[in-house]
Amino acid sequence: MNVSGEPSLIFPLVVIGELEAKRDHPELGWFARQALRVLDLHRTATNMLAVITSGMIELGPIQDEENHKLGVDMAKVATDVVLINPKQAEPVLRGLLEANFPLEHIHSVETTSAAIAWMTANAGAGDAVLIMSDLPDTY
């Protein structure tokens, strides 16, 4: 929560570029996992910890596998997940469901603006939202 009492927002803008640069690196996804750890630092007994994502892109043949792992990792931290572009985010959804993430806390939207509208309508004082990717809606 920031000083004004409004929701905390976390914008790790380097996640996608870092993952692309480390495509063959053994620590692939390190920044994504770190961003989730930072989100978890904002946990209280009652607040929402939301992740907005369309998943990672341009990972070639390992993209689905890495997005599935991302979904599993999100399930350990987030209270709500907003998936942008359901087709692109499908492997993330599979990971969430495999980890028994509550279906009622998975929100699917078509566009980034719809995800931001969801955040605006649902995040309150003390909540934290991690915007994990901000891809063009046409990606």
C-alpha atoms as a PDB file:
ATOM      1  CA  MET A   1       0.000   0.000   0.000  1.00  0.00           C
ATOM      2  CA  ASN A   2       1.358   3.407  -0.814  1.00  0.00           C
ATOM      3  CA  VAL A   3       1.265   6.486   1.415  1.00  0.00           C
ATOM      4  CA  SER A   4      -2.125   7.643   0.094  1.00  0.00           C
ATOM      5  CA  GLY A   5      -3.734   4.309   1.017  1.00  0.00           C
ATOM      6  CA  GLU A   6      -4.326   3.292  -2.591  1.00  0.00           C
ATOM      7  CA  PRO A   7      -3.474  -0.183  -3.935  1.00  0.00           C
ATOM      8  CA  SER A   8       0.188  -0.974  -4.458  1.00  0.00           C
ATOM      9  CA  LEU A   9       1.142  -1.580  -8.068  1.00  0.00           C
ATOM     10  CA  ILE A  10       4.218  -3.521  -9.116  1.00  0.00           C
ATOM     11  CA  PHE A  11       5.445  -3.109 -12.689  1.00  0.00           C
ATOM     12  CA  PRO A  12       8.406  -5.384 -13.467  1.00  0.00           C
ATOM     13  CA  LEU A  13       8.791  -4.117 -17.012  1.00  0.00           C
ATOM     14  CA  VAL A  14      11.936  -6.152 -17.645  1.00  0.00           C
ATOM     15  CA  VAL A  15      10.320  -9.576 -17.261  1.00  0.00           C
ATOM     16  CA  ILE A  16       9.586 -10.317 -20.918  1.00  0.00           C
ATOM     17  CA  GLY A  17      12.861  -8.906 -22.277  1.00  0.00           C
ATOM     18  CA  GLU A  18      14.898 -10.678 -19.620  1.00  0.00           C
ATOM     19  CA  LEU A  19      13.273 -14.010 -20.383  1.00  0.00           C
ATOM     20  CA  GLU A  20      13.838 -13.598 -24.101  1.00  0.00           C
ATOM     21  CA  ALA A  21      17.513 -12.841 -23.487  1.00  0.00           C
ATOM     22  CA  LYS A  22      17.863 -15.944 -21.313  1.00  0.00           C
ATOM     23  CA  ARG A  23      16.044 -18.367 -23.589  1.00  0.00           C
ATOM     24  CA  ASP A  24      18.722 -21.052 -23.180  1.00  0.00           C
ATOM     25  CA  HIS A  25      19.831 -20.004 -19.714  1.00  0.00           C
ATOM     26  CA  PRO A  26      19.311 -22.447 -16.816  1.00  0.00           C
ATOM     27  CA  GLU A  27      17.715 -19.648 -14.795  1.00  0.00           C
ATOM     28  CA  LEU A  28      14.972 -19.012 -17.345  1.00  0.00           C
ATOM     29  CA  GLY A  29      12.096 -17.278 -15.608  1.00  0.00           C
ATOM     30  CA  TRP A  30      14.197 -15.932 -12.751  1.00  0.00           C
ATOM     31  CA  PHE A  31      12.753 -12.413 -12.995  1.00  0.00           C
ATOM     32  CA  ALA A  32       9.195 -13.746 -13.211  1.00  0.00           C
ATOM     33  CA  ARG A  33       9.741 -15.800 -10.038  1.00  0.00           C
ATOM     34  CA  GLN A  34      11.363 -12.808  -8.330  1.00  0.00           C
ATOM     35  CA  ALA A  35       8.394 -10.617  -9.252  1.00  0.00           C
ATOM     36  CA  LEU A  36       6.070 -13.187  -7.653  1.00  0.00           C
ATOM     37  CA  ARG A  37       8.261 -13.202  -4.526  1.00  0.00           C
ATOM     38  CA  VAL A  38       7.996  -9.417  -4.323  1.00  0.00           C
ATOM     39  CA  LEU A  39       4.220  -9.681  -4.701  1.00  0.00           C
ATOM     40  CA  ASP A  40       4.174 -12.161  -1.815  1.00  0.00           C
ATOM     41  CA  LEU A  41       5.966  -9.602   0.386  1.00  0.00           C
ATOM     42  CA  HIS A  42       2.776  -7.530   0.221  1.00  0.00           C
ATOM     43  CA  ARG A  43       0.666 -10.313   1.759  1.00  0.00           C
ATOM     44  CA  THR A  44      -1.497  -9.543   4.763  1.00  0.00           C
ATOM     45  CA  ALA A  45      -4.255 -11.595   6.336  1.00  0.00           C
ATOM     46  CA  THR A  46      -6.954  -9.931   4.253  1.00  0.00           C
ATOM     47  CA  ASN A  47      -5.548  -8.330   1.123  1.00  0.00           C
ATOM     48  CA  MET A  48      -5.780  -9.362  -2.499  1.00  0.00           C
ATOM     49  CA  LEU A  49      -2.600 -10.275  -4.375  1.00  0.00           C
ATOM     50  CA  ALA A  50      -3.507 -10.200  -8.059  1.00  0.00           C
ATOM     51  CA  VAL A  51      -1.449 -11.001 -11.142  1.00  0.00           C
ATOM     52  CA  ILE A  52      -2.368  -9.657 -14.564  1.00  0.00           C
ATOM     53  CA  THR A  53      -0.671 -11.517 -17.414  1.00  0.00           C
ATOM     54  CA  SER A  54      -0.984 -12.912 -20.896  1.00  0.00           C
ATOM     55  CA  GLY A  55       1.993 -15.171 -20.280  1.00  0.00           C
ATOM     56  CA  MET A  56       5.514 -15.050 -21.634  1.00  0.00           C
ATOM     57  CA  ILE A  57       6.127 -14.745 -25.364  1.00  0.00           C
ATOM     58  CA  GLU A  58       8.775 -15.497 -27.950  1.00  0.00           C
ATOM     59  CA  LEU A  59      10.218 -18.471 -26.077  1.00  0.00           C
ATOM     60  CA  GLY A  60      10.034 -20.729 -29.090  1.00  0.00           C
ATOM     61  CA  PRO A  61       9.323 -24.422 -28.515  1.00  0.00           C
ATOM     62  CA  ILE A  62       9.486 -24.096 -24.714  1.00  0.00           C
ATOM     63  CA  GLN A  63       6.900 -21.309 -24.482  1.00  0.00           C
ATOM     64  CA  ASP A  64       3.939 -23.499 -23.464  1.00  0.00           C
ATOM     65  CA  GLU A  65       6.000 -25.397 -20.894  1.00  0.00           C
ATOM     66  CA  GLU A  66       7.382 -22.206 -19.329  1.00  0.00           C
ATOM     67  CA  ASN A  67       3.951 -20.566 -19.218  1.00  0.00           C
ATOM     68  CA  HIS A  68       2.543 -23.699 -17.574  1.00  0.00           C
ATOM     69  CA  LYS A  69       5.279 -23.470 -14.911  1.00  0.00           C
ATOM     70  CA  LEU A  70       4.458 -19.790 -14.482  1.00  0.00           C
ATOM     71  CA  GLY A  71       0.823 -20.697 -13.764  1.00  0.00           C
ATOM     72  CA  VAL A  72       1.896 -23.231 -11.138  1.00  0.00           C
ATOM     73  CA  ASP A  73       4.166 -20.616  -9.521  1.00  0.00           C
ATOM     74  CA  MET A  74       1.399 -17.984  -9.584  1.00  0.00           C
ATOM     75  CA  ALA A  75      -0.941 -20.364  -7.777  1.00  0.00           C
ATOM     76  CA  LYS A  76       1.451 -20.408  -4.813  1.00  0.00           C
ATOM     77  CA  VAL A  77       1.294 -16.627  -4.352  1.00  0.00           C
ATOM     78  CA  ALA A  78      -1.693 -14.950  -5.984  1.00  0.00           C
ATOM     79  CA  THR A  79      -5.217 -14.696  -4.647  1.00  0.00           C
ATOM     80  CA  ASP A  80      -6.554 -13.638  -8.067  1.00  0.00           C
ATOM     81  CA  VAL A  81      -5.223 -13.965 -11.612  1.00  0.00           C
ATOM     82  CA  VAL A  82      -6.410 -11.974 -14.618  1.00  0.00           C
ATOM     83  CA  LEU A  83      -5.515 -13.682 -17.895  1.00  0.00           C
ATOM     84  CA  ILE A  84      -5.365 -11.448 -20.951  1.00  0.00           C
ATOM     85  CA  ASN A  85      -6.131 -13.111 -24.288  1.00  0.00           C
ATOM     86  CA  PRO A  86      -7.356 -16.571 -23.245  1.00  0.00           C
ATOM     87  CA  LYS A  87      -5.790 -18.347 -26.232  1.00  0.00           C
ATOM     88  CA  GLN A  88      -2.309 -16.931 -25.504  1.00  0.00           C
ATOM     89  CA  ALA A  89      -2.689 -17.501 -21.754  1.00  0.00           C
ATOM     90  CA  GLU A  90      -4.035 -21.076 -22.001  1.00  0.00           C
ATOM     91  CA  PRO A  91      -0.805 -22.735 -20.727  1.00  0.00           C
ATOM     92  CA  VAL A  92      -0.830 -20.383 -17.715  1.00  0.00           C
ATOM     93  CA  LEU A  93      -4.428 -21.428 -17.051  1.00  0.00           C
ATOM     94  CA  ARG A  94      -3.453 -25.123 -17.227  1.00  0.00           C
ATOM     95  CA  GLY A  95      -0.724 -24.506 -14.644  1.00  0.00           C
ATOM     96  CA  LEU A  96      -3.122 -22.676 -12.329  1.00  0.00           C
ATOM     97  CA  LEU A  97      -5.690 -25.459 -12.572  1.00  0.00           C
ATOM     98  CA  GLU A  98      -3.067 -28.177 -12.073  1.00  0.00           C
ATOM     99  CA  ALA A  99      -2.059 -26.404  -8.850  1.00  0.00           C
ATOM    100  CA  ASN A 100      -5.728 -26.366  -7.731  1.00  0.00           C
ATOM    101  CA  PHE A 101      -6.027 -22.583  -7.934  1.00  0.00           C
ATOM    102  CA  PRO A 102      -9.684 -21.646  -7.291  1.00  0.00           C
ATOM    103  CA  LEU A 103     -11.510 -21.245 -10.597  1.00  0.00           C
ATOM    104  CA  GLU A 104     -13.617 -18.409  -9.179  1.00  0.00           C
ATOM    105  CA  HIS A 105     -10.418 -16.369  -8.726  1.00  0.00           C
ATOM    106  CA  ILE A 106      -9.324 -16.728 -12.366  1.00  0.00           C
ATOM    107  CA  HIS A 107     -10.600 -13.882 -14.506  1.00  0.00           C
ATOM    108  CA  SER A 108     -10.293 -14.010 -18.273  1.00  0.00           C
ATOM    109  CA  VAL A 109     -10.384 -10.872 -20.425  1.00  0.00           C
ATOM    110  CA  GLU A 110      -9.652 -10.131 -24.055  1.00  0.00           C
ATOM    111  CA  THR A 111      -7.630  -6.919 -23.760  1.00  0.00           C
ATOM    112  CA  THR A 112      -5.160  -5.132 -21.531  1.00  0.00           C
ATOM    113  CA  SER A 113      -7.632  -2.294 -21.058  1.00  0.00           C
ATOM    114  CA  ALA A 114     -10.230  -4.797 -19.788  1.00  0.00           C
ATOM    115  CA  ALA A 115      -7.649  -6.155 -17.324  1.00  0.00           C
ATOM    116  CA  ILE A 116      -6.922  -2.646 -16.074  1.00  0.00           C
ATOM    117  CA  ALA A 117     -10.673  -2.036 -15.757  1.00  0.00           C
ATOM    118  CA  TRP A 118     -10.938  -5.239 -13.670  1.00  0.00           C
ATOM    119  CA  MET A 119      -8.081  -4.015 -11.467  1.00  0.00           C
ATOM    120  CA  THR A 120      -9.674  -0.593 -11.033  1.00  0.00           C
ATOM    121  CA  ALA A 121     -13.006  -2.143 -10.063  1.00  0.00           C
ATOM    122  CA  ASN A 122     -11.608  -4.801  -7.728  1.00  0.00           C
ATOM    123  CA  ALA A 123      -8.371  -3.590  -6.111  1.00  0.00           C
ATOM    124  CA  GLY A 124      -8.656  -1.581  -2.952  1.00  0.00           C
ATOM    125  CA  ALA A 125      -6.497  -0.106  -0.221  1.00  0.00           C
ATOM    126  CA  GLY A 126      -3.811  -2.549   0.833  1.00  0.00           C
ATOM    127  CA  ASP A 127      -4.142  -4.776  -2.225  1.00  0.00           C
ATOM    128  CA  ALA A 128      -1.199  -5.439  -4.539  1.00  0.00           C
ATOM    129  CA  VAL A 129      -1.371  -6.026  -8.283  1.00  0.00           C
ATOM    130  CA  LEU A 130       1.498  -7.405 -10.338  1.00  0.00           C
ATOM    131  CA  ILE A 131       1.205  -6.539 -14.018  1.00  0.00           C
ATOM    132  CA  MET A 132       3.463  -9.220 -15.377  1.00  0.00           C
ATOM    133  CA  SER A 133       3.116  -8.374 -19.044  1.00  0.00           C
ATOM    134  CA  ASP A 134       1.683  -5.523 -20.997  1.00  0.00           C
ATOM    135  CA  LEU A 135       1.614  -6.825 -24.556  1.00  0.00           C
ATOM    136  CA  PRO A 136      -0.242  -5.170 -27.393  1.00  0.00           C
ATOM    137  CA  ASP A 137      -3.713  -6.669 -27.646  1.00  0.00           C
ATOM    138  CA  THR A 138      -2.971  -7.786 -31.202  1.00  0.00           C
ATOM    139  CA  TYR A 139      -0.011  -9.977 -30.198  1.00  0.00           C
END
